[in-house]
Amino acid sequence: MTLASVYPLVSSRAVARPFTYEVANEVGKGAVVAIRFGRRAARGVVVETDVAAPPGIVIAPVERVLYVLPPALVDLALWLADYYGSTPARALEP
């Protein structure tokens, strides 16, 4: 198991930042995963792997991989969200 930065795909800008989750070794950038986010289930996109654990935090595992996006699309969505003051979830909406 490895640690990854995962952006939750929620529309609230208050939580538009990466959180650390435990993923299987074969999971890479662009994987859309099912996560527990607070008290509810959500989707998240892996933006980086092999990250360090924040001190004093219990790391939760992802539940499963739902599908995979091209890493270039994830980079574009993060740039769009930052440039336009939005969230990655809104940038990745169909």
C-alpha atoms as a PDB file:
ATOM      1  CA  MET A   1       0.000   0.000   0.000  1.00  0.00           C
ATOM      2  CA  THR A   2       1.098   3.530  -0.756  1.00  0.00           C
ATOM      3  CA  LEU A   3      -0.169   7.004   0.138  1.00  0.00           C
ATOM      4  CA  ALA A   4      -1.750   9.331  -2.407  1.00  0.00           C
ATOM      5  CA  SER A   5      -3.092  12.880  -2.595  1.00  0.00           C
ATOM      6  CA  VAL A   6      -6.772  12.717  -3.518  1.00  0.00           C
ATOM      7  CA  TYR A   7      -8.995  15.684  -4.437  1.00  0.00           C
ATOM      8  CA  PRO A   8     -12.565  14.979  -3.316  1.00  0.00           C
ATOM      9  CA  LEU A   9     -14.963  15.606  -6.201  1.00  0.00           C
ATOM     10  CA  VAL A  10     -17.309  17.889  -4.294  1.00  0.00           C
ATOM     11  CA  SER A  11     -18.473  21.340  -5.359  1.00  0.00           C
ATOM     12  CA  SER A  12     -17.626  23.146  -2.113  1.00  0.00           C
ATOM     13  CA  ARG A  13     -14.575  25.386  -2.404  1.00  0.00           C
ATOM     14  CA  ALA A  14     -14.019  25.067   1.342  1.00  0.00           C
ATOM     15  CA  VAL A  15     -12.670  21.537   0.835  1.00  0.00           C
ATOM     16  CA  ALA A  16     -11.114  22.022  -2.613  1.00  0.00           C
ATOM     17  CA  ARG A  17      -7.724  20.714  -1.605  1.00  0.00           C
ATOM     18  CA  PRO A  18      -6.030  17.325  -1.640  1.00  0.00           C
ATOM     19  CA  PHE A  19      -6.395  14.883   1.239  1.00  0.00           C
ATOM     20  CA  THR A  20      -4.160  11.887   1.926  1.00  0.00           C
ATOM     21  CA  TYR A  21      -5.546   8.367   1.461  1.00  0.00           C
ATOM     22  CA  GLU A  22      -4.031   4.907   1.337  1.00  0.00           C
ATOM     23  CA  VAL A  23      -4.218   3.272  -2.110  1.00  0.00           C
ATOM     24  CA  ALA A  24      -3.056   0.018  -3.671  1.00  0.00           C
ATOM     25  CA  ASN A  25       0.396   0.120  -5.264  1.00  0.00           C
ATOM     26  CA  GLU A  26      -0.990  -0.109  -8.818  1.00  0.00           C
ATOM     27  CA  VAL A  27      -3.245   2.973  -8.431  1.00  0.00           C
ATOM     28  CA  GLY A  28      -1.825   6.026 -10.178  1.00  0.00           C
ATOM     29  CA  LYS A  29      -2.593   9.616 -11.087  1.00  0.00           C
ATOM     30  CA  GLY A  30      -6.005   9.961 -12.706  1.00  0.00           C
ATOM     31  CA  ALA A  31      -7.718   7.122 -10.858  1.00  0.00           C
ATOM     32  CA  VAL A  32     -11.203   8.107  -9.699  1.00  0.00           C
ATOM     33  CA  VAL A  33     -11.787   6.370  -6.383  1.00  0.00           C
ATOM     34  CA  ALA A  34     -14.627   5.851  -3.917  1.00  0.00           C
ATOM     35  CA  ILE A  35     -13.703   7.436  -0.571  1.00  0.00           C
ATOM     36  CA  ARG A  36     -15.208   8.117   2.811  1.00  0.00           C
ATOM     37  CA  PHE A  37     -15.272  11.889   3.184  1.00  0.00           C
ATOM     38  CA  GLY A  38     -16.451  12.902   6.602  1.00  0.00           C
ATOM     39  CA  ARG A  39     -19.643  10.963   7.276  1.00  0.00           C
ATOM     40  CA  ARG A  40     -20.558  10.382   3.659  1.00  0.00           C
ATOM     41  CA  ALA A  41     -19.351   8.539   0.615  1.00  0.00           C
ATOM     42  CA  ALA A  42     -17.807  10.566  -2.192  1.00  0.00           C
ATOM     43  CA  ARG A  43     -15.638  10.242  -5.265  1.00  0.00           C
ATOM     44  CA  GLY A  44     -12.118  11.573  -5.464  1.00  0.00           C
ATOM     45  CA  VAL A  45      -9.392  11.787  -8.080  1.00  0.00           C
ATOM     46  CA  VAL A  46      -5.801  10.769  -7.373  1.00  0.00           C
ATOM     47  CA  VAL A  47      -3.472  13.657  -8.246  1.00  0.00           C
ATOM     48  CA  GLU A  48      -0.187  12.344  -6.820  1.00  0.00           C
ATOM     49  CA  THR A  49       1.180   9.133  -5.347  1.00  0.00           C
ATOM     50  CA  ASP A  50       4.034   8.329  -2.976  1.00  0.00           C
ATOM     51  CA  VAL A  51       3.333  11.284  -0.689  1.00  0.00           C
ATOM     52  CA  ALA A  52       4.312  11.604   2.964  1.00  0.00           C
ATOM     53  CA  ALA A  53       1.697  11.193   5.671  1.00  0.00           C
ATOM     54  CA  PRO A  54       0.777  14.365   7.570  1.00  0.00           C
ATOM     55  CA  PRO A  55       1.896  14.133  11.209  1.00  0.00           C
ATOM     56  CA  GLY A  56      -0.737  13.018  13.696  1.00  0.00           C
ATOM     57  CA  ILE A  57      -3.319  11.985  11.085  1.00  0.00           C
ATOM     58  CA  VAL A  58      -4.871   8.525  10.758  1.00  0.00           C
ATOM     59  CA  ILE A  59      -4.867   7.677   7.050  1.00  0.00           C
ATOM     60  CA  ALA A  60      -8.031   6.078   5.650  1.00  0.00           C
ATOM     61  CA  PRO A  61      -7.923   3.682   2.701  1.00  0.00           C
ATOM     62  CA  VAL A  62      -9.851   4.266  -0.520  1.00  0.00           C
ATOM     63  CA  GLU A  63     -12.776   1.892  -0.949  1.00  0.00           C
ATOM     64  CA  ARG A  64     -12.211   1.016  -4.633  1.00  0.00           C
ATOM     65  CA  VAL A  65     -11.166   2.392  -8.006  1.00  0.00           C
ATOM     66  CA  LEU A  66     -14.205   3.404 -10.069  1.00  0.00           C
ATOM     67  CA  TYR A  67     -12.504   4.355 -13.347  1.00  0.00           C
ATOM     68  CA  VAL A  68      -9.363   6.039 -14.632  1.00  0.00           C
ATOM     69  CA  LEU A  69      -8.946   9.428 -16.321  1.00  0.00           C
ATOM     70  CA  PRO A  70      -5.925  10.400 -18.422  1.00  0.00           C
ATOM     71  CA  PRO A  71      -3.329  12.138 -16.197  1.00  0.00           C
ATOM     72  CA  ALA A  72      -3.190  15.084 -18.643  1.00  0.00           C
ATOM     73  CA  LEU A  73      -6.934  15.653 -18.139  1.00  0.00           C
ATOM     74  CA  VAL A  74      -6.430  15.743 -14.368  1.00  0.00           C
ATOM     75  CA  ASP A  75      -3.632  18.319 -14.765  1.00  0.00           C
ATOM     76  CA  LEU A  76      -5.878  20.425 -17.018  1.00  0.00           C
ATOM     77  CA  ALA A  77      -8.783  20.239 -14.544  1.00  0.00           C
ATOM     78  CA  LEU A  78      -6.535  21.345 -11.669  1.00  0.00           C
ATOM     79  CA  TRP A  79      -5.228  24.248 -13.747  1.00  0.00           C
ATOM     80  CA  LEU A  80      -8.754  25.282 -14.809  1.00  0.00           C
ATOM     81  CA  ALA A  81     -10.002  25.128 -11.223  1.00  0.00           C
ATOM     82  CA  ASP A  82      -7.113  27.263 -10.004  1.00  0.00           C
ATOM     83  CA  TYR A  83      -7.251  29.776 -12.864  1.00  0.00           C
ATOM     84  CA  TYR A  84     -11.016  30.315 -12.709  1.00  0.00           C
ATOM     85  CA  GLY A  85     -11.362  30.050  -8.925  1.00  0.00           C
ATOM     86  CA  SER A  86     -13.447  26.904  -9.126  1.00  0.00           C
ATOM     87  CA  THR A  87     -13.065  23.301  -7.993  1.00  0.00           C
ATOM     88  CA  PRO A  88     -11.643  20.230  -9.734  1.00  0.00           C
ATOM     89  CA  ALA A  89     -15.100  18.624  -9.469  1.00  0.00           C
ATOM     90  CA  ARG A  90     -16.652  21.392 -11.560  1.00  0.00           C
ATOM     91  CA  ALA A  91     -13.774  21.275 -14.047  1.00  0.00           C
ATOM     92  CA  LEU A  92     -14.241  17.507 -14.502  1.00  0.00           C
ATOM     93  CA  GLU A  93     -18.035  17.594 -14.849  1.00  0.00           C
ATOM     94  CA  PRO A  94     -19.326  16.079 -18.111  1.00  0.00           C
END
